[in-house]
Each structure stands twice: as structure tokens, then as C-alpha cells.
Amino acid sequence: MRTDTISRDDTQDFEIAALKTEVNYRVNITNQNIDSLDEKFKISNELFIKNQNNMSRLITDANSKINDLNRRLDRQSYALCLLFGIVIGLLAKVYFFN
């Protein structure tokens, strides 16, 4: 019965240790990058929410101004109709009742 054994020498141990160090380094760098991206995402999300709130406020203000302008237009339309009615009444009086 034959048994094969794998023996490691000091060079292989050194290479394994170097690879472990490299892997640990890359994992740490990756974790730092993830943390950095997470922080940037949080900042972006906060800015998005702030901009969304600002846009909501601006839309509300614009809607209020539009409603005010619509009320003014309604009053002016009523006044214009009244003016036309008066003018037509005066013209009718001048042409038909004089």
C-alpha cells in the first residue's frame, strides 16, 4: 500500500503567509471601499431627501400662486363681462331708446 505525503518546506510556508497577508489586505481595502461607498450613499440620500423637500415646498408655493392667479382671473373675467354688459346696455339705450 502506497501513501503519498505532501511536505511543505519553509518557502511554501512563506508563500502561504504572504498570500494570506495579501488576501487580508485586499479584504480590508474592500471593506474600506464599502464603508466609503456606504457613507457616500447616506450623504446622497440625505441630499436627495433635502432636494425632494425643497421641490415639494416649491411646488406647493407654485400651486398656491396659480390658485391666486386663477381667482384674480375669475374676478377680472367677471368684471370684463360686467363691462361688456354695461357697454351693450348703453349701446342699446342709445340706438333703441333715443
PDB file of N, CA and C in Angstrom:
ATOM      1  N   MET A   1       0.836  -1.164   0.000  1.00  0.00           N
ATOM      2  CA  MET A   1       0.000   0.000   0.000  1.00  0.00           C
ATOM      3  C   MET A   1       0.886   1.233   0.000  1.00  0.00           C
ATOM      4  N   ARG A   2       0.530   2.102  -0.895  1.00  0.00           N
ATOM      5  CA  ARG A   2       1.389   3.251  -1.069  1.00  0.00           C
ATOM      6  C   ARG A   2       0.725   4.503  -0.496  1.00  0.00           C
ATOM      7  N   THR A   3       1.447   5.314   0.193  1.00  0.00           N
ATOM      8  CA  THR A   3       0.943   6.576   0.740  1.00  0.00           C
ATOM      9  C   THR A   3       1.808   7.702   0.221  1.00  0.00           C
ATOM     10  N   ASP A   4       1.095   8.666  -0.366  1.00  0.00           N
ATOM     11  CA  ASP A   4       1.815   9.868  -0.817  1.00  0.00           C
ATOM     12  C   ASP A   4       1.642  10.935   0.242  1.00  0.00           C
ATOM     13  N   THR A   5       2.701  11.540   0.569  1.00  0.00           N
ATOM     14  CA  THR A   5       2.643  12.626   1.544  1.00  0.00           C
ATOM     15  C   THR A   5       3.125  13.898   0.880  1.00  0.00           C
ATOM     16  N   ILE A   6       2.485  14.948   1.271  1.00  0.00           N
ATOM     17  CA  ILE A   6       2.904  16.252   0.761  1.00  0.00           C
ATOM     18  C   ILE A   6       3.610  16.952   1.909  1.00  0.00           C
ATOM     19  N   SER A   7       4.799  17.318   1.644  1.00  0.00           N
ATOM     20  CA  SER A   7       5.530  18.020   2.686  1.00  0.00           C
ATOM     21  C   SER A   7       5.708  19.468   2.259  1.00  0.00           C
ATOM     22  N   ARG A   8       5.590  20.345   3.234  1.00  0.00           N
ATOM     23  CA  ARG A   8       5.766  21.758   2.955  1.00  0.00           C
ATOM     24  C   ARG A   8       7.118  22.180   3.512  1.00  0.00           C
ATOM     25  N   ASP A   9       7.780  22.961   2.725  1.00  0.00           N
ATOM     26  CA  ASP A   9       9.040  23.490   3.229  1.00  0.00           C
ATOM     27  C   ASP A   9       8.839  24.935   3.656  1.00  0.00           C
ATOM     28  N   ASP A  10       9.911  25.544   4.099  1.00  0.00           N
ATOM     29  CA  ASP A  10       9.819  26.918   4.597  1.00  0.00           C
ATOM     30  C   ASP A  10       9.396  27.905   3.510  1.00  0.00           C
ATOM     31  N   THR A  11       9.792  27.663   2.274  1.00  0.00           N
ATOM     32  CA  THR A  11       9.438  28.557   1.174  1.00  0.00           C
ATOM     33  C   THR A  11       7.925  28.544   0.954  1.00  0.00           C
ATOM     34  N   GLN A  12       7.341  27.353   0.990  1.00  0.00           N
ATOM     35  CA  GLN A  12       5.895  27.247   0.810  1.00  0.00           C
ATOM     36  C   GLN A  12       5.164  27.923   1.980  1.00  0.00           C
ATOM     37  N   ASP A  13       5.676  27.730   3.186  1.00  0.00           N
ATOM     38  CA  ASP A  13       5.066  28.399   4.335  1.00  0.00           C
ATOM     39  C   ASP A  13       5.125  29.915   4.180  1.00  0.00           C
ATOM     40  N   PHE A  14       6.255  30.416   3.687  1.00  0.00           N
ATOM     41  CA  PHE A  14       6.411  31.850   3.473  1.00  0.00           C
ATOM     42  C   PHE A  14       5.435  32.340   2.401  1.00  0.00           C
ATOM     43  N   GLU A  15       5.290  31.576   1.314  1.00  0.00           N
ATOM     44  CA  GLU A  15       4.372  31.949   0.236  1.00  0.00           C
ATOM     45  C   GLU A  15       2.924  31.956   0.736  1.00  0.00           C
ATOM     46  N   ILE A  16       2.580  30.964   1.528  1.00  0.00           N
ATOM     47  CA  ILE A  16       1.225  30.893   2.089  1.00  0.00           C
ATOM     48  C   ILE A  16       0.983  32.084   3.003  1.00  0.00           C
ATOM     49  N   ALA A  17       1.937  32.419   3.834  1.00  0.00           N
ATOM     50  CA  ALA A  17       1.795  33.563   4.730  1.00  0.00           C
ATOM     51  C   ALA A  17       1.667  34.863   3.929  1.00  0.00           C
ATOM     52  N   ALA A  18       2.453  34.979   2.856  1.00  0.00           N
ATOM     53  CA  ALA A  18       2.393  36.173   2.011  1.00  0.00           C
ATOM     54  C   ALA A  18       1.020  36.274   1.338  1.00  0.00           C
ATOM     55  N   LEU A  19       0.507  35.145   0.853  1.00  0.00           N
ATOM     56  CA  LEU A  19      -0.814  35.147   0.230  1.00  0.00           C
ATOM     57  C   LEU A  19      -1.905  35.496   1.234  1.00  0.00           C
ATOM     58  N   LYS A  20      -1.791  34.963   2.449  1.00  0.00           N
ATOM     59  CA  LYS A  20      -2.771  35.297   3.494  1.00  0.00           C
ATOM     60  C   LYS A  20      -2.734  36.788   3.798  1.00  0.00           C
ATOM     61  N   THR A  21      -1.531  37.337   3.874  1.00  0.00           N
ATOM     62  CA  THR A  21      -1.374  38.770   4.127  1.00  0.00           C
ATOM     63  C   THR A  21      -1.999  39.582   2.998  1.00  0.00           C
ATOM     64  N   GLU A  22      -1.738  39.160   1.759  1.00  0.00           N
ATOM     65  CA  GLU A  22      -2.291  39.845   0.594  1.00  0.00           C
ATOM     66  C   GLU A  22      -3.817  39.777   0.596  1.00  0.00           C
ATOM     67  N   VAL A  23      -4.361  38.600   0.901  1.00  0.00           N
ATOM     68  CA  VAL A  23      -5.813  38.438   0.947  1.00  0.00           C
ATOM     69  C   VAL A  23      -6.404  39.323   2.041  1.00  0.00           C
ATOM     70  N   ASN A  24      -5.798  39.312   3.222  1.00  0.00           N
ATOM     71  CA  ASN A  24      -6.285  40.154   4.315  1.00  0.00           C
ATOM     72  C   ASN A  24      -6.232  41.636   3.943  1.00  0.00           C
ATOM     73  N   TYR A  25      -5.149  42.037   3.280  1.00  0.00           N
ATOM     74  CA  TYR A  25      -5.009  43.418   2.845  1.00  0.00           C
ATOM     75  C   TYR A  25      -6.134  43.783   1.872  1.00  0.00           C
ATOM     76  N   ARG A  26      -6.364  42.920   0.892  1.00  0.00           N
ATOM     77  CA  ARG A  26      -7.409  43.191  -0.105  1.00  0.00           C
ATOM     78  C   ARG A  26      -8.803  43.197   0.527  1.00  0.00           C
ATOM     79  N   VAL A  27      -9.035  42.316   1.496  1.00  0.00           N
ATOM     80  CA  VAL A  27     -10.325  42.299   2.195  1.00  0.00           C
ATOM     81  C   VAL A  27     -10.512  43.608   2.965  1.00  0.00           C
ATOM     82  N   ASN A  28      -9.448  44.068   3.636  1.00  0.00           N
ATOM     83  CA  ASN A  28      -9.530  45.335   4.369  1.00  0.00           C
ATOM     84  C   ASN A  28      -9.795  46.512   3.435  1.00  0.00           C
ATOM     85  N   ILE A  29      -9.106  46.543   2.301  1.00  0.00           N
ATOM     86  CA  ILE A  29      -9.309  47.606   1.314  1.00  0.00           C
ATOM     87  C   ILE A  29     -10.750  47.559   0.803  1.00  0.00           C
ATOM     88  N   THR A  30     -11.230  46.354   0.507  1.00  0.00           N
ATOM     89  CA  THR A  30     -12.606  46.197   0.026  1.00  0.00           C
ATOM     90  C   THR A  30     -13.600  46.686   1.076  1.00  0.00           C
ATOM     91  N   ASN A  31     -13.374  46.337   2.324  1.00  0.00           N
ATOM     92  CA  ASN A  31     -14.261  46.791   3.402  1.00  0.00           C
ATOM     93  C   ASN A  31     -14.234  48.309   3.542  1.00  0.00           C
ATOM     94  N   GLN A  32     -13.045  48.891   3.396  1.00  0.00           N
ATOM     95  CA  GLN A  32     -12.940  50.352   3.455  1.00  0.00           C
ATOM     96  C   GLN A  32     -13.693  51.000   2.298  1.00  0.00           C
ATOM     97  N   ASN A  33     -13.568  50.393   1.120  1.00  0.00           N
ATOM     98  CA  ASN A  33     -14.293  50.916  -0.044  1.00  0.00           C
ATOM     99  C   ASN A  33     -15.803  50.802   0.164  1.00  0.00           C
ATOM    100  N   ILE A  34     -16.246  49.698   0.731  1.00  0.00           N
ATOM    101  CA  ILE A  34     -17.672  49.518   1.009  1.00  0.00           C
ATOM    102  C   ILE A  34     -18.136  50.557   2.022  1.00  0.00           C
ATOM    103  N   ASP A  35     -17.342  50.765   3.076  1.00  0.00           N
ATOM    104  CA  ASP A  35     -17.698  51.772   4.079  1.00  0.00           C
ATOM    105  C   ASP A  35     -17.777  53.167   3.455  1.00  0.00           C
ATOM    106  N   SER A  36     -16.796  53.463   2.582  1.00  0.00           N
ATOM    107  CA  SER A  36     -16.781  54.761   1.915  1.00  0.00           C
ATOM    108  C   SER A  36     -18.006  54.922   1.012  1.00  0.00           C
ATOM    109  N   LEU A  37     -18.327  53.878   0.266  1.00  0.00           N
ATOM    110  CA  LEU A  37     -19.500  53.929  -0.602  1.00  0.00           C
ATOM    111  C   LEU A  37     -20.783  54.050   0.215  1.00  0.00           C
ATOM    112  N   ASP A  38     -20.824  53.353   1.345  1.00  0.00           N
ATOM    113  CA  ASP A  38     -22.000  53.436   2.214  1.00  0.00           C
ATOM    114  C   ASP A  38     -22.174  54.857   2.737  1.00  0.00           C
ATOM    115  N   GLU A  39     -21.078  55.490   3.130  1.00  0.00           N
ATOM    116  CA  GLU A  39     -21.136  56.875   3.620  1.00  0.00           C
ATOM    117  C   GLU A  39     -21.573  57.817   2.499  1.00  0.00           C
ATOM    118  N   LYS A  40     -21.028  57.616   1.300  1.00  0.00           N
ATOM    119  CA  LYS A  40     -21.419  58.450   0.160  1.00  0.00           C
ATOM    120  C   LYS A  40     -22.893  58.240  -0.175  1.00  0.00           C
ATOM    121  N   PHE A  41     -23.355  57.009  -0.071  1.00  0.00           N
ATOM    122  CA  PHE A  41     -24.771  56.725  -0.321  1.00  0.00           C
ATOM    123  C   PHE A  41     -25.649  57.431   0.702  1.00  0.00           C
ATOM    124  N   LYS A  42     -25.240  57.412   1.969  1.00  0.00           N
ATOM    125  CA  LYS A  42     -26.021  58.097   3.003  1.00  0.00           C
ATOM    126  C   LYS A  42     -26.090  59.596   2.731  1.00  0.00           C
ATOM    127  N   ILE A  43     -24.957  60.186   2.353  1.00  0.00           N
ATOM    128  CA  ILE A  43     -24.916  61.619   2.044  1.00  0.00           C
ATOM    129  C   ILE A  43     -25.799  61.919   0.838  1.00  0.00           C
ATOM    130  N   SER A  44     -25.691  61.090  -0.198  1.00  0.00           N
ATOM    131  CA  SER A  44     -26.523  61.283  -1.394  1.00  0.00           C
ATOM    132  C   SER A  44     -27.995  61.161  -1.050  1.00  0.00           C
ATOM    133  N   ASN A  45     -28.323  60.204  -0.212  1.00  0.00           N
ATOM    134  CA  ASN A  45     -29.715  60.008   0.191  1.00  0.00           C
ATOM    135  C   ASN A  45     -30.222  61.214   0.972  1.00  0.00           C
ATOM    136  N   GLU A  46     -29.394  61.746   1.871  1.00  0.00           N
ATOM    137  CA  GLU A  46     -29.785  62.939   2.629  1.00  0.00           C
ATOM    138  C   GLU A  46     -30.003  64.131   1.695  1.00  0.00           C
ATOM    139  N   LEU A  47     -29.099  64.299   0.722  1.00  0.00           N
ATOM    140  CA  LEU A  47     -29.251  65.394  -0.245  1.00  0.00           C
ATOM    141  C   LEU A  47     -30.510  65.202  -1.089  1.00  0.00           C
ATOM    142  N   PHE A  48     -30.771  63.962  -1.471  1.00  0.00           N
ATOM    143  CA  PHE A  48     -31.973  63.677  -2.251  1.00  0.00           C
ATOM    144  C   PHE A  48     -33.225  64.042  -1.471  1.00  0.00           C
ATOM    145  N   ILE A  49     -33.259  63.645  -0.199  1.00  0.00           N
ATOM    146  CA  ILE A  49     -34.427  63.949   0.641  1.00  0.00           C
ATOM    147  C   ILE A  49     -34.572  65.457   0.819  1.00  0.00           C
ATOM    148  N   LYS A  50     -33.443  66.149   1.036  1.00  0.00           N
ATOM    149  CA  LYS A  50     -33.481  67.601   1.187  1.00  0.00           C
ATOM    150  C   LYS A  50     -34.000  68.260  -0.094  1.00  0.00           C
ATOM    151  N   ASN A  51     -33.484  67.815  -1.248  1.00  0.00           N
ATOM    152  CA  ASN A  51     -33.941  68.376  -2.520  1.00  0.00           C
ATOM    153  C   ASN A  51     -35.406  68.047  -2.783  1.00  0.00           C
ATOM    154  N   GLN A  52     -35.806  66.848  -2.394  1.00  0.00           N
ATOM    155  CA  GLN A  52     -37.200  66.457  -2.561  1.00  0.00           C
ATOM    156  C   GLN A  52     -38.110  67.349  -1.712  1.00  0.00           C
ATOM    157  N   ASN A  53     -37.687  67.627  -0.485  1.00  0.00           N
ATOM    158  CA  ASN A  53     -38.469  68.522   0.383  1.00  0.00           C
ATOM    159  C   ASN A  53     -38.527  69.930  -0.194  1.00  0.00           C
ATOM    160  N   ASN A  54     -37.385  70.405  -0.718  1.00  0.00           N
ATOM    161  CA  ASN A  54     -37.362  71.735  -1.339  1.00  0.00           C
ATOM    162  C   ASN A  54     -38.287  71.787  -2.555  1.00  0.00           C
ATOM    163  N   MET A  55     -38.229  70.748  -3.377  1.00  0.00           N
ATOM    164  CA  MET A  55     -39.098  70.702  -4.558  1.00  0.00           C
ATOM    165  C   MET A  55     -40.562  70.657  -4.146  1.00  0.00           C
ATOM    166  N   SER A  56     -40.854  69.900  -3.110  1.00  0.00           N
ATOM    167  CA  SER A  56     -42.236  69.819  -2.625  1.00  0.00           C
ATOM    168  C   SER A  56     -42.712  71.189  -2.160  1.00  0.00           C
ATOM    169  N   ARG A  57     -41.854  71.900  -1.436  1.00  0.00           N
ATOM    170  CA  ARG A  57     -42.198  73.246  -0.968  1.00  0.00           C
ATOM    171  C   ARG A  57     -42.395  74.191  -2.156  1.00  0.00           C
ATOM    172  N   LEU A  58     -41.507  74.110  -3.146  1.00  0.00           N
ATOM    173  CA  LEU A  58     -41.626  74.973  -4.321  1.00  0.00           C
ATOM    174  C   LEU A  58     -42.900  74.661  -5.106  1.00  0.00           C
ATOM    175  N   ILE A  59     -43.239  73.392  -5.210  1.00  0.00           N
ATOM    176  CA  ILE A  59     -44.466  73.009  -5.914  1.00  0.00           C
ATOM    177  C   ILE A  59     -45.680  73.525  -5.167  1.00  0.00           C
ATOM    178  N   THR A  60     -45.650  73.419  -3.841  1.00  0.00           N
ATOM    179  CA  THR A  60     -46.762  73.929  -3.033  1.00  0.00           C
ATOM    180  C   THR A  60     -46.904  75.438  -3.208  1.00  0.00           C
ATOM    181  N   ASP A  61     -45.768  76.147  -3.177  1.00  0.00           N
ATOM    182  CA  ASP A  61     -45.800  77.606  -3.381  1.00  0.00           C
ATOM    183  C   ASP A  61     -46.337  77.958  -4.770  1.00  0.00           C
ATOM    184  N   ALA A  62     -45.849  77.238  -5.771  1.00  0.00           N
ATOM    185  CA  ALA A  62     -46.305  77.499  -7.146  1.00  0.00           C
ATOM    186  C   ALA A  62     -47.799  77.212  -7.273  1.00  0.00           C
ATOM    187  N   ASN A  63     -48.251  76.145  -6.659  1.00  0.00           N
ATOM    188  CA  ASN A  63     -49.676  75.806  -6.708  1.00  0.00           C
ATOM    189  C   ASN A  63     -50.519  76.893  -6.045  1.00  0.00           C
ATOM    190  N   SER A  64     -50.024  77.418  -4.931  1.00  0.00           N
ATOM    191  CA  SER A  64     -50.727  78.499  -4.241  1.00  0.00           C
ATOM    192  C   SER A  64     -50.803  79.740  -5.125  1.00  0.00           C
ATOM    193  N   LYS A  65     -49.704  80.069  -5.792  1.00  0.00           N
ATOM    194  CA  LYS A  65     -49.691  81.234  -6.682  1.00  0.00           C
ATOM    195  C   LYS A  65     -50.617  81.022  -7.874  1.00  0.00           C
ATOM    196  N   ILE A  66     -50.644  79.807  -8.409  1.00  0.00           N
ATOM    197  CA  ILE A  66     -51.547  79.502  -9.529  1.00  0.00           C
ATOM    198  C   ILE A  66     -52.994  79.665  -9.090  1.00  0.00           C
ATOM    199  N   ASN A  67     -53.311  79.166  -7.903  1.00  0.00           N
ATOM    200  CA  ASN A  67     -54.672  79.319  -7.394  1.00  0.00           C
ATOM    201  C   ASN A  67     -55.037  80.793  -7.215  1.00  0.00           C
ATOM    202  N   ASP A  68     -54.094  81.582  -6.717  1.00  0.00           N
ATOM    203  CA  ASP A  68     -54.325  83.018  -6.551  1.00  0.00           C
ATOM    204  C   ASP A  68     -54.556  83.687  -7.908  1.00  0.00           C
ATOM    205  N   LEU A  69     -53.724  83.321  -8.896  1.00  0.00           N
ATOM    206  CA  LEU A  69     -53.897  83.890 -10.237  1.00  0.00           C
ATOM    207  C   LEU A  69     -55.231  83.466 -10.847  1.00  0.00           C
ATOM    208  N   ASN A  70     -55.648  82.243 -10.593  1.00  0.00           N
ATOM    209  CA  ASN A  70     -56.951  81.792 -11.097  1.00  0.00           C
ATOM    210  C   ASN A  70     -58.094  82.592 -10.478  1.00  0.00           C
ATOM    211  N   ARG A  71     -57.981  82.879  -9.176  1.00  0.00           N
ATOM    212  CA  ARG A  71     -59.008  83.697  -8.526  1.00  0.00           C
ATOM    213  C   ARG A  71     -59.044  85.101  -9.125  1.00  0.00           C
ATOM    214  N   ARG A  72     -57.860  85.683  -9.356  1.00  0.00           N
ATOM    215  CA  ARG A  72     -57.797  87.015  -9.977  1.00  0.00           C
ATOM    216  C   ARG A  72     -58.402  86.991 -11.374  1.00  0.00           C
ATOM    217  N   LEU A  73     -58.076  85.961 -12.131  1.00  0.00           N
ATOM    218  CA  LEU A  73     -58.600  85.843 -13.490  1.00  0.00           C
ATOM    219  C   LEU A  73     -60.119  85.717 -13.466  1.00  0.00           C
ATOM    220  N   ASP A  74     -60.640  84.947 -12.508  1.00  0.00           N
ATOM    221  CA  ASP A  74     -62.097  84.826 -12.387  1.00  0.00           C
ATOM    222  C   ASP A  74     -62.730  86.185 -12.108  1.00  0.00           C
ATOM    223  N   ARG A  75     -62.139  86.954 -11.186  1.00  0.00           N
ATOM    224  CA  ARG A  75     -62.677  88.282 -10.858  1.00  0.00           C
ATOM    225  C   ARG A  75     -62.589  89.212 -12.065  1.00  0.00           C
ATOM    226  N   GLN A  76     -61.450  89.165 -12.767  1.00  0.00           N
ATOM    227  CA  GLN A  76     -61.291  90.040 -13.933  1.00  0.00           C
ATOM    228  C   GLN A  76     -62.238  89.629 -15.062  1.00  0.00           C
ATOM    229  N   SER A  77     -62.449  88.324 -15.210  1.00  0.00           N
ATOM    230  CA  SER A  77     -63.404  87.858 -16.230  1.00  0.00           C
ATOM    231  C   SER A  77     -64.813  88.337 -15.897  1.00  0.00           C
ATOM    232  N   TYR A  78     -65.154  88.248 -14.628  1.00  0.00           N
ATOM    233  CA  TYR A  78     -66.475  88.729 -14.195  1.00  0.00           C
ATOM    234  C   TYR A  78     -66.595  90.230 -14.452  1.00  0.00           C
ATOM    235  N   ALA A  79     -65.543  90.973 -14.115  1.00  0.00           N
ATOM    236  CA  ALA A  79     -65.561  92.430 -14.325  1.00  0.00           C
ATOM    237  C   ALA A  79     -65.649  92.752 -15.806  1.00  0.00           C
ATOM    238  N   LEU A  80     -64.934  92.005 -16.637  1.00  0.00           N
ATOM    239  CA  LEU A  80     -64.960  92.240 -18.079  1.00  0.00           C
ATOM    240  C   LEU A  80     -66.356  91.940 -18.647  1.00  0.00           C
ATOM    241  N   CYS A  81     -66.975  90.855 -18.189  1.00  0.00           N
ATOM    242  CA  CYS A  81     -68.344  90.537 -18.629  1.00  0.00           C
ATOM    243  C   CYS A  81     -69.311  91.639 -18.201  1.00  0.00           C
ATOM    244  N   LEU A  82     -69.147  92.112 -16.992  1.00  0.00           N
ATOM    245  CA  LEU A  82     -69.995  93.197 -16.492  1.00  0.00           C
ATOM    246  C   LEU A  82     -69.797  94.454 -17.336  1.00  0.00           C
ATOM    247  N   LEU A  83     -68.548  94.765 -17.673  1.00  0.00           N
ATOM    248  CA  LEU A  83     -68.247  95.931 -18.506  1.00  0.00           C
ATOM    249  C   LEU A  83     -68.873  95.794 -19.889  1.00  0.00           C
ATOM    250  N   PHE A  84     -68.741  94.606 -20.491  1.00  0.00           N
ATOM    251  CA  PHE A  84     -69.370  94.380 -21.796  1.00  0.00           C
ATOM    252  C   PHE A  84     -70.884  94.516 -21.694  1.00  0.00           C
ATOM    253  N   GLY A  85     -71.448  94.014 -20.609  1.00  0.00           N
ATOM    254  CA  GLY A  85     -72.892  94.146 -20.408  1.00  0.00           C
ATOM    255  C   GLY A  85     -73.312  95.597 -20.326  1.00  0.00           C
ATOM    256  N   ILE A  86     -72.545  96.395 -19.618  1.00  0.00           N
ATOM    257  CA  ILE A  86     -72.851  97.825 -19.497  1.00  0.00           C
ATOM    258  C   ILE A  86     -72.735  98.506 -20.850  1.00  0.00           C
ATOM    259  N   VAL A  87     -71.643  98.194 -21.590  1.00  0.00           N
ATOM    260  CA  VAL A  87     -71.433  98.801 -22.909  1.00  0.00           C
ATOM    261  C   VAL A  87     -72.568  98.410 -23.838  1.00  0.00           C
ATOM    262  N   ILE A  88     -72.941  97.149 -23.856  1.00  0.00           N
ATOM    263  CA  ILE A  88     -74.038  96.703 -24.718  1.00  0.00           C
ATOM    264  C   ILE A  88     -75.344  97.368 -24.291  1.00  0.00           C
ATOM    265  N   GLY A  89     -75.564  97.485 -22.989  1.00  0.00           N
ATOM    266  CA  GLY A  89     -76.759  98.178 -22.491  1.00  0.00           C
ATOM    267  C   GLY A  89     -76.798  99.631 -22.912  1.00  0.00           C
ATOM    268  N   LEU A  90     -75.660 100.307 -22.805  1.00  0.00           N
ATOM    269  CA  LEU A  90     -75.606 101.713 -23.227  1.00  0.00           C
ATOM    270  C   LEU A  90     -75.832 101.854 -24.730  1.00  0.00           C
ATOM    271  N   LEU A  91     -75.209 100.948 -25.501  1.00  0.00           N
ATOM    272  CA  LEU A  91     -75.404 100.997 -26.955  1.00  0.00           C
ATOM    273  C   LEU A  91     -76.866 100.731 -27.310  1.00  0.00           C
ATOM    274  N   ALA A  92     -77.477  99.794 -26.618  1.00  0.00           N
ATOM    275  CA  ALA A  92     -78.888  99.502 -26.870  1.00  0.00           C
ATOM    276  C   ALA A  92     -79.745 100.712 -26.528  1.00  0.00           C
ATOM    277  N   LYS A  93     -79.421 101.366 -25.428  1.00  0.00           N
ATOM    278  CA  LYS A  93     -80.179 102.553 -24.997  1.00  0.00           C
ATOM    279  C   LYS A  93     -80.052 103.655 -26.033  1.00  0.00           C
ATOM    280  N   VAL A  94     -78.816 103.879 -26.519  1.00  0.00           N
ATOM    281  CA  VAL A  94     -78.567 104.938 -27.478  1.00  0.00           C
ATOM    282  C   VAL A  94     -79.292 104.641 -28.792  1.00  0.00           C
ATOM    283  N   TYR A  95     -79.198 103.398 -29.277  1.00  0.00           N
ATOM    284  CA  TYR A  95     -79.798 103.099 -30.581  1.00  0.00           C
ATOM    285  C   TYR A  95     -81.284 102.850 -30.528  1.00  0.00           C
ATOM    286  N   PHE A  96     -81.789 102.272 -29.461  1.00  0.00           N
ATOM    287  CA  PHE A  96     -83.200 101.878 -29.449  1.00  0.00           C
ATOM    288  C   PHE A  96     -84.093 102.806 -28.646  1.00  0.00           C
ATOM    289  N   PHE A  97     -83.561 103.533 -27.710  1.00  0.00           N
ATOM    290  CA  PHE A  97     -84.419 104.323 -26.842  1.00  0.00           C
ATOM    291  C   PHE A  97     -84.222 105.831 -26.996  1.00  0.00           C
ATOM    292  N   ASN A  98     -83.514 106.252 -27.971  1.00  0.00           N
ATOM    293  CA  ASN A  98     -83.357 107.688 -28.219  1.00  0.00           C
ATOM    294  C   ASN A  98     -84.147 108.151 -29.367  1.00  0.00           C
TER     295      ASN A  98
END
